[in-house]
Each structure stands twice: as structure tokens, then as C-alpha cells.
Amino acid sequence: MKRLGQFKKNLFLPVLVGLLLTGCITTPKTKPVASAHRIPIVLDTDIGADIDDTWALAELLRSPSLDLKLVLCGTGNTTYRARVAAKFLQVTGRSDIPVGLGPSGPSTSENQLPWVKNYSLMNYPGTIHQDGVAAFIRLVQASPEPITLISIGPVTDIAEALRRDPSIAPKIHFVGMQGSIDLGYGPGSKPVPEANVAGNVAGFRAVLAAPWLNFEITPLDTCGLVVLDGENYQRLRQSDDPLLRALFENYRIWSGLVTWIKADFFEQHSTTLFDTVAVYMAEDGRLLEFETIPISVTEKGMTVRDPIHGRPVRVAMRWKNLDAYYDYLTARLLGKQP
């Protein structure tokens, strides 16, 4: 399945979420990275479905102005998704970051399962929140400043959090990979029901109606154009960096299990990296052109312009310079200054 501005204020000490860990599996944690002058982030993801979530997590870990406080795993088999996230964080030296499980549902694609075949959440040196939605709510309520929520999957977890505690919305900057406004999958295509919206229409309607501090999305119009290839791709693929090795291990496994991938696809380029654009928007976004568009959602999950009943949304509609974004993303993933 598929998918704010800069707030560089001084942060207080990291949120004392550890005091509220009822119902969690906990093991000793690595020392957290100092978080001064960084934006507190929650990533809500269906990692383990499309590989772009893993690319987005890698990008997020390499973004120095973003302070990842929680990875919330939703949609389908959330234990599987949490295993993928937890192992990735552990092998990249970031087990200081908690992982939360959203409500489970019917299993969907699990094309990174071989990577976590022998990995248990009990192996994670950090914190696993069995009720990730409750952990998310506590984190938002305890934070001394607004949380930026990067949503790159169907919004089941977020809709459930709003149902439990609607008061969280005004304390959150929402940045999402959702929707299809004028384009679908690729240049010249027609709008389609984008998977993150169509996967939970009622949930996205609830999210769209909530009184967020800010609300912005990258639809397929922009994120659906992002494919990394050429020299930039090969620099990443050939790197010995542990984070990139873990990323490409997952990509190789995933590409071997997805039937529509051609045999030489992995060697030449990435798949469409939808979710990386939402991470970029949370940190920067200057290479994108935004419009404020009133949007509503049809029964089939179409995100349509609706000047009468629509919710105004800040939408990344066009790239100013897509090639510059490729250079930016490559530098980020290599741990270099773009």
C-alpha cells in the first residue's frame, strides 16, 4: 500500500514519556541524541508494505533538524511493521527511539518479512509501546511545544488518536503523503484514489476535519514523480554506511518479492519514493510550490477540489527543481550537508 515549516525553537528536556509506559515492553535503552534546536517528530507509517517508507525513515534519521520521538506503525499486521521499524532503528544505532504499535487489522503485503524473520520485538534495546496510539497521545500532551506528525500511510492510527482525544489536534503540525489532485501516478496521468486515502476513507475524512495547527500534504502530483537513478542512486547503493546497507538490504528483498519489478530494476534505480517528500516538507520544502486548496474526499477516496464544502489544505502541487531535490535527498542519505 501507499503514503512545517521550520520550527527551530529551543526544546526543553526530552519528554518524560518513560514515566507513563503502562502496557509496554521495555528493555535498556541507548543514550538519546541531544535534541536542542530540533523539531520534535512522530512518524506514522505502514512500513514493510511499499519500500518507500523505509527510504523515508532513513531520510528522517539523517535529517539533523528533525528529532524523531516515536515511530508509530499502523495498518494490517502492526507487529510485523513494528519489527521492521525496530530492527532498522537498532542496526542503524538509533534504538533510543520508541516504536509503537497501532491497532492491527487483516494482514496486507509483507514483502520485507525475510529481513525480520528471526527478529523479535523483545530483542529491541529500546521501548516498544504495545498501545502506540496511547503513547502518541501522551507524547503530544506532554510536549512543551507542538509536535510535527509525518503521516505516510493510511491514517488509521491518527483517526483512532483523534477519537480518543480530539484535543491533540491543535498541538500538532500535520504533514502527510496523501491524495491525488490534478495528477495520478506520473506525468500526464489523471487523478486516482490514492492508496493512503482510499485505504481508510472515513479515517482520512476525520483527519481532514480536525483542527490541526497546520495541515499540509504532498499528493501524487509531486511525490509521485520521485524516482532516484543515475549517479546519485549508485552512490547510495555502493555505500558501506550501515544505514544505507540496511536500506538496500530491505530494497533488494522487497524488489525480489514484488511481482511487477523487473529483474534489473534494483540495479538501476529506486521505485517511486513517495514518502520521502513528506519528510522533506517537515524539514525544508523550499523546492516545492504550494497552493491552498479546499479539499473534500469522495466515497471512493478521491481527493477533489471543493470550494463549497472543502477543507483548505496547503498542498505541494509542483516542483520548482526536482533534480535539486534528488541531490538534496542523496546528500541527506549519505549524511552530508545538501
Protein backbone atom coordinates (compact mmCIF):
# COMPACT_ATOMS: atom_id res chain seq x y z
CA MET A 1 0.00 0.00 0.00
CA LYS A 2 0.93 3.53 -0.35
CA ARG A 3 1.52 7.12 1.68
CA LEU A 4 6.41 22.54 8.57
CA GLY A 5 7.63 24.93 8.24
CA GLN A 6 10.77 25.07 10.25
CA PHE A 7 10.27 25.43 13.97
CA LYS A 8 13.76 25.93 15.39
CA LYS A 9 12.95 26.80 18.95
CA ASN A 10 14.91 25.70 21.98
CA LEU A 11 13.46 22.47 23.36
CA PHE A 12 13.17 21.55 27.00
CA LEU A 13 14.48 18.23 28.25
CA PRO A 14 13.17 15.23 26.26
CA VAL A 15 9.59 14.38 27.11
CA LEU A 16 9.32 12.11 30.14
CA VAL A 17 7.24 9.53 28.35
CA GLY A 18 9.07 6.78 30.22
CA LEU A 19 7.02 7.63 33.31
CA LEU A 20 3.86 6.55 31.54
CA LEU A 21 4.82 3.22 30.00
CA THR A 22 1.98 1.05 31.27
CA GLY A 23 1.45 -1.84 28.88
CA CYS A 24 4.87 -1.50 27.19
CA ILE A 25 7.72 -3.93 26.66
CA THR A 26 10.83 -2.18 27.91
CA THR A 27 14.49 -3.10 27.77
CA PRO A 28 17.57 -0.92 28.43
CA LYS A 29 17.81 1.99 26.01
CA THR A 30 20.79 3.51 24.28
CA LYS A 31 21.70 7.08 25.18
CA PRO A 32 19.42 9.55 23.34
CA VAL A 33 20.90 12.06 20.96
CA ALA A 34 20.77 15.68 22.18
CA SER A 35 17.74 17.39 20.71
CA ALA A 36 18.36 21.15 21.12
CA HIS A 37 17.12 23.27 18.20
CA ARG A 38 15.36 20.33 16.54
CA ILE A 39 11.73 19.80 15.56
CA PRO A 40 10.01 17.03 17.55
CA ILE A 41 8.64 14.44 15.10
CA VAL A 42 6.27 11.48 15.18
CA LEU A 43 6.35 9.23 12.12
CA ASP A 44 3.13 7.33 11.41
CA THR A 45 3.96 4.65 8.85
CA ASP A 46 2.85 1.42 7.23
CA ILE A 47 6.49 0.41 6.84
CA GLY A 48 7.00 -3.03 5.36
CA ALA A 49 4.40 -2.58 2.62
CA ASP A 50 5.89 -0.33 -0.08
CA ILE A 51 9.65 0.16 0.29
CA ASP A 52 9.39 3.96 0.21
CA ASP A 53 8.52 4.03 3.92
CA THR A 54 11.95 2.57 4.67
CA TRP A 55 13.60 5.20 2.47
CA ALA A 56 11.64 7.87 4.33
CA LEU A 57 12.70 6.53 7.74
CA ALA A 58 16.34 6.54 6.61
CA GLU A 59 15.97 10.13 5.37
CA LEU A 60 14.37 11.17 8.64
CA LEU A 61 17.18 9.65 10.70
CA ARG A 62 19.68 11.65 8.64
CA SER A 63 17.84 14.98 8.94
CA PRO A 64 19.69 16.96 11.65
CA SER A 65 16.89 19.44 12.35
CA LEU A 66 14.29 16.66 12.94
CA ASP A 67 14.12 14.91 16.31
CA LEU A 68 12.25 11.63 15.93
CA LYS A 69 10.35 10.93 19.14
CA LEU A 70 8.22 7.94 18.09
CA VAL A 71 7.70 5.60 15.14
CA LEU A 72 4.03 4.60 15.11
CA CYS A 73 3.30 1.56 12.96
CA GLY A 74 -0.19 1.12 11.57
CA THR A 75 -2.29 -0.84 9.08
CA GLY A 76 -2.56 -4.62 8.83
CA ASN A 77 -0.14 -6.70 10.86
CA THR A 78 1.31 -3.96 13.03
CA THR A 79 3.58 -6.37 14.91
CA TYR A 80 5.31 -7.15 11.63
CA ARG A 81 5.59 -3.46 10.77
CA ALA A 82 6.99 -2.66 14.22
CA ARG A 83 9.59 -5.43 13.78
CA VAL A 84 10.77 -3.86 10.52
CA ALA A 85 10.98 -0.40 12.11
CA ALA A 86 12.63 -1.62 15.31
CA LYS A 87 15.29 -3.70 13.57
CA PHE A 88 16.08 -0.81 11.21
CA LEU A 89 16.48 1.57 14.15
CA GLN A 90 18.61 -0.94 16.03
CA VAL A 91 21.04 -1.75 13.21
CA THR A 92 21.45 1.96 12.47
CA GLY A 93 22.27 2.75 16.12
CA ARG A 94 19.02 4.56 16.95
CA SER A 95 17.33 2.29 19.45
CA ASP A 96 16.82 5.37 21.64
CA ILE A 97 13.70 5.94 19.51
CA PRO A 98 10.49 4.25 20.78
CA VAL A 99 8.35 2.17 18.45
CA GLY A 100 4.57 1.99 18.88
CA LEU A 101 2.04 -0.49 17.53
CA GLY A 102 -1.23 0.81 16.15
CA PRO A 103 -4.42 -1.25 16.01
CA SER A 104 -3.91 -4.42 13.99
CA GLY A 105 -6.07 -5.50 11.08
CA PRO A 106 -6.02 -8.08 8.30
CA SER A 107 -2.52 -8.77 7.00
CA THR A 108 -1.52 -6.96 3.84
CA SER A 109 1.72 -7.11 1.84
CA GLU A 110 4.70 -8.14 3.97
CA ASN A 111 7.46 -8.07 1.39
CA GLN A 112 10.22 -7.25 3.90
CA LEU A 113 9.37 -10.21 6.11
CA PRO A 114 12.56 -12.17 5.28
CA TRP A 115 14.61 -9.30 6.75
CA VAL A 116 12.94 -9.73 10.15
CA LYS A 117 12.35 -13.49 10.00
CA ASN A 118 14.28 -14.16 13.21
CA TYR A 119 13.81 -10.76 14.81
CA SER A 120 11.53 -10.35 17.83
CA LEU A 121 10.38 -7.09 19.37
CA MET A 122 11.82 -8.47 22.61
CA ASN A 123 15.25 -8.03 21.00
CA TYR A 124 14.84 -4.29 20.64
CA PRO A 125 17.08 -2.45 23.13
CA GLY A 126 14.67 0.48 23.25
CA THR A 127 11.00 0.86 24.14
CA ILE A 128 8.11 -0.90 22.42
CA HIS A 129 4.67 0.58 23.11
CA GLN A 130 2.04 -2.10 22.67
CA ASP A 131 -0.58 0.67 22.59
CA GLY A 132 1.19 3.07 20.28
CA VAL A 133 -1.84 5.32 19.94
CA ALA A 134 -1.91 5.94 23.70
CA ALA A 135 1.84 6.63 23.64
CA PHE A 136 1.33 9.11 20.81
CA ILE A 137 -1.40 10.95 22.73
CA ARG A 138 0.75 11.11 25.87
CA LEU A 139 3.69 12.41 23.88
CA VAL A 140 1.64 15.20 22.30
CA GLN A 141 0.03 16.22 25.58
CA ALA A 142 3.36 16.24 27.46
CA SER A 143 5.37 18.08 24.80
CA PRO A 144 6.35 21.67 25.69
CA GLU A 145 5.99 22.62 22.02
CA PRO A 146 3.94 21.42 19.03
CA ILE A 147 4.71 18.02 17.57
CA THR A 148 5.13 17.61 13.81
CA LEU A 149 3.32 14.48 12.68
CA ILE A 150 4.62 12.95 9.44
CA SER A 151 1.90 10.66 8.15
CA ILE A 152 2.98 8.30 5.35
CA GLY A 153 0.34 5.59 5.45
CA PRO A 154 -3.40 5.17 5.83
CA VAL A 155 -4.42 7.28 8.81
CA THR A 156 -5.99 4.54 10.95
CA ASP A 157 -3.74 5.30 13.94
CA ILE A 158 -4.30 9.04 13.69
CA ALA A 159 -8.06 8.72 13.35
CA GLU A 160 -8.10 6.49 16.43
CA ALA A 161 -5.99 9.00 18.38
CA LEU A 162 -8.45 11.77 17.46
CA ARG A 163 -11.36 9.57 18.54
CA ARG A 164 -9.74 9.00 21.93
CA ASP A 165 -8.55 12.57 22.47
CA PRO A 166 -9.66 15.26 19.99
CA SER A 167 -7.74 17.90 21.96
CA ILE A 168 -4.41 16.77 20.47
CA ALA A 169 -5.06 18.25 17.00
CA PRO A 170 -4.34 21.93 17.83
CA LYS A 171 -0.96 20.84 19.23
CA ILE A 172 0.17 19.15 16.00
CA HIS A 173 1.57 20.22 12.65
CA PHE A 174 0.28 17.59 10.21
CA VAL A 175 2.46 16.74 7.21
CA GLY A 176 1.09 13.93 5.06
CA MET A 177 1.69 11.89 1.94
CA GLN A 178 -1.90 11.62 0.79
CA GLY A 179 -4.10 12.44 -2.13
CA SER A 180 -4.15 13.00 -5.87
CA ILE A 181 -5.35 16.41 -7.07
CA ASP A 182 -4.58 17.01 -10.75
CA LEU A 183 -2.20 14.10 -11.44
CA GLY A 184 -2.08 10.42 -10.59
CA TYR A 185 0.92 8.13 -10.97
CA GLY A 186 3.17 10.00 -13.37
CA PRO A 187 3.23 12.99 -15.72
CA GLY A 188 0.07 13.43 -17.78
CA SER A 189 -1.92 10.93 -15.74
CA LYS A 190 -5.39 11.53 -14.39
CA PRO A 191 -6.17 11.80 -10.66
CA VAL A 192 -6.81 8.49 -8.91
CA PRO A 193 -7.95 7.33 -5.45
CA GLU A 194 -4.55 7.48 -3.75
CA ALA A 195 -3.86 4.41 -1.61
CA ASN A 196 -3.32 6.15 1.74
CA VAL A 197 -6.71 7.86 1.42
CA ALA A 198 -8.62 5.04 -0.27
CA GLY A 199 -7.34 2.62 2.36
CA ASN A 200 -9.36 4.41 5.05
CA VAL A 201 -11.74 6.99 3.61
CA ALA A 202 -13.65 7.54 6.86
CA GLY A 203 -10.39 7.92 8.76
CA PHE A 204 -8.99 10.46 6.33
CA ARG A 205 -12.22 12.45 6.43
CA ALA A 206 -11.90 12.60 10.22
CA VAL A 207 -8.28 13.70 9.92
CA LEU A 208 -9.18 16.29 7.30
CA ALA A 209 -11.84 17.78 9.60
CA ALA A 210 -9.62 18.04 12.68
CA PRO A 211 -8.39 21.49 13.86
CA TRP A 212 -4.66 20.92 13.29
CA LEU A 213 -2.19 23.70 13.98
CA ASN A 214 -1.17 23.34 10.33
CA PHE A 215 -2.20 20.83 7.68
CA GLU A 216 -0.22 20.16 4.52
CA ILE A 217 0.20 17.25 2.14
CA THR A 218 2.25 16.07 -0.79
CA PRO A 219 -0.15 14.34 -3.22
CA LEU A 220 0.84 12.17 -6.16
CA ASP A 221 1.15 15.39 -8.17
CA THR A 222 4.59 15.88 -6.60
CA CYS A 223 5.63 12.79 -4.63
CA GLY A 224 4.55 10.50 -7.47
CA LEU A 225 7.34 11.87 -9.67
CA VAL A 226 10.27 11.00 -7.39
CA VAL A 227 12.49 8.17 -8.71
CA LEU A 228 16.20 8.14 -7.91
CA ASP A 229 18.60 6.80 -10.54
CA GLY A 230 21.92 7.50 -12.24
CA GLU A 231 24.98 8.61 -10.28
CA ASN A 232 23.01 9.62 -7.19
CA TYR A 233 21.43 6.17 -6.92
CA GLN A 234 24.71 4.34 -7.44
CA ARG A 235 26.47 6.43 -4.78
CA LEU A 236 23.87 5.29 -2.28
CA ARG A 237 23.76 1.66 -3.42
CA GLN A 238 27.53 1.25 -3.27
CA SER A 239 27.98 2.91 0.12
CA ASP A 240 29.34 0.98 3.11
CA ASP A 241 27.34 3.13 5.53
CA PRO A 242 25.37 0.86 7.94
CA LEU A 243 22.14 2.81 7.45
CA LEU A 244 22.39 2.56 3.67
CA ARG A 245 23.37 -1.10 3.82
CA ALA A 246 20.22 -1.80 5.86
CA LEU A 247 18.13 0.26 3.43
CA PHE A 248 19.41 -1.60 0.38
CA GLU A 249 19.16 -5.00 2.06
CA ASN A 250 15.47 -4.27 2.51
CA TYR A 251 15.10 -2.90 -1.01
CA ARG A 252 16.76 -5.99 -2.54
CA ILE A 253 14.48 -8.33 -0.57
CA TRP A 254 11.40 -6.26 -1.36
CA SER A 255 12.17 -5.99 -5.08
CA GLY A 256 12.61 -9.77 -5.30
CA LEU A 257 9.15 -10.38 -3.87
CA VAL A 258 7.15 -7.76 -5.78
CA THR A 259 5.94 -9.33 -9.00
CA TRP A 260 5.84 -6.18 -11.11
CA ILE A 261 9.52 -5.34 -10.52
CA LYS A 262 11.78 -6.23 -13.47
CA ALA A 263 14.89 -8.30 -12.85
CA ASP A 264 17.38 -5.43 -13.24
CA PHE A 265 15.24 -2.79 -11.51
CA PHE A 266 17.16 -2.85 -8.23
CA GLU A 267 20.49 -2.41 -10.03
CA GLN A 268 19.41 0.75 -11.85
CA HIS A 269 17.09 2.87 -9.74
CA SER A 270 14.66 3.19 -6.88
CA THR A 271 10.96 2.72 -7.08
CA THR A 272 8.80 5.83 -6.61
CA LEU A 273 9.86 7.43 -3.33
CA PHE A 274 6.52 8.99 -2.42
CA ASP A 275 7.09 9.19 1.32
CA THR A 276 10.47 10.91 1.24
CA VAL A 277 8.73 14.12 0.12
CA ALA A 278 6.69 14.35 3.33
CA VAL A 279 9.91 14.11 5.37
CA TYR A 280 11.45 16.81 3.18
CA MET A 281 8.43 19.08 3.77
CA ALA A 282 8.80 18.71 7.53
CA GLU A 283 12.41 19.85 7.34
CA ASP A 284 12.57 22.23 4.40
CA GLY A 285 10.20 22.17 1.40
CA ARG A 286 11.69 25.13 -0.47
CA LEU A 287 11.96 23.21 -3.73
CA LEU A 288 8.18 22.75 -3.85
CA GLU A 289 5.41 25.11 -4.94
CA PHE A 290 2.39 25.11 -2.62
CA GLU A 291 -1.23 26.07 -3.14
CA THR A 292 -4.01 26.34 -0.56
CA ILE A 293 -6.80 24.18 -1.99
CA PRO A 294 -10.21 23.38 -0.44
CA ILE A 295 -10.42 19.58 -0.49
CA SER A 296 -13.08 17.01 0.22
CA VAL A 297 -12.97 13.21 -0.14
CA THR A 298 -15.36 11.09 -2.21
CA GLU A 299 -16.66 7.68 -1.18
CA LYS A 300 -14.02 6.08 -3.41
CA GLY A 301 -11.19 8.04 -1.86
CA MET A 302 -10.72 10.75 -4.48
CA THR A 303 -9.34 13.99 -3.03
CA VAL A 304 -11.19 16.64 -5.04
CA ARG A 305 -11.25 20.41 -5.18
CA ASP A 306 -14.40 21.54 -3.37
CA PRO A 307 -14.71 25.33 -2.91
CA ILE A 308 -18.09 24.96 -1.19
CA HIS A 309 -17.56 22.25 1.41
CA GLY A 310 -13.84 21.53 1.21
CA ARG A 311 -11.24 21.95 3.97
CA PRO A 312 -8.44 24.37 2.98
CA VAL A 313 -5.22 22.39 2.77
CA ARG A 314 -1.69 23.54 1.94
CA VAL A 315 -0.79 21.27 -0.96
CA ALA A 316 2.59 20.72 -2.63
CA MET A 317 1.43 20.88 -6.23
CA ARG A 318 4.61 21.31 -8.29
CA TRP A 319 8.37 21.01 -8.11
CA LYS A 320 10.48 24.10 -8.65
CA ASN A 321 13.50 21.89 -9.29
CA LEU A 322 13.13 18.13 -8.98
CA ASP A 323 16.76 17.45 -9.90
CA ALA A 324 17.83 19.65 -6.98
CA TYR A 325 15.67 17.50 -4.71
CA TYR A 326 17.45 14.38 -5.94
CA ASP A 327 20.77 15.97 -4.99
CA TYR A 328 19.31 17.02 -1.63
CA LEU A 329 17.96 13.54 -0.88
CA THR A 330 21.21 11.85 -1.88
CA ALA A 331 23.26 14.16 0.33
CA ARG A 332 20.87 13.63 3.24
CA LEU A 333 21.06 9.85 2.97
CA LEU A 334 24.85 9.97 2.73
CA GLY A 335 24.91 12.04 5.92
CA LYS A 336 26.26 15.10 4.14
CA GLN A 337 25.06 18.70 4.07
CA PRO A 338 22.86 19.26 0.99
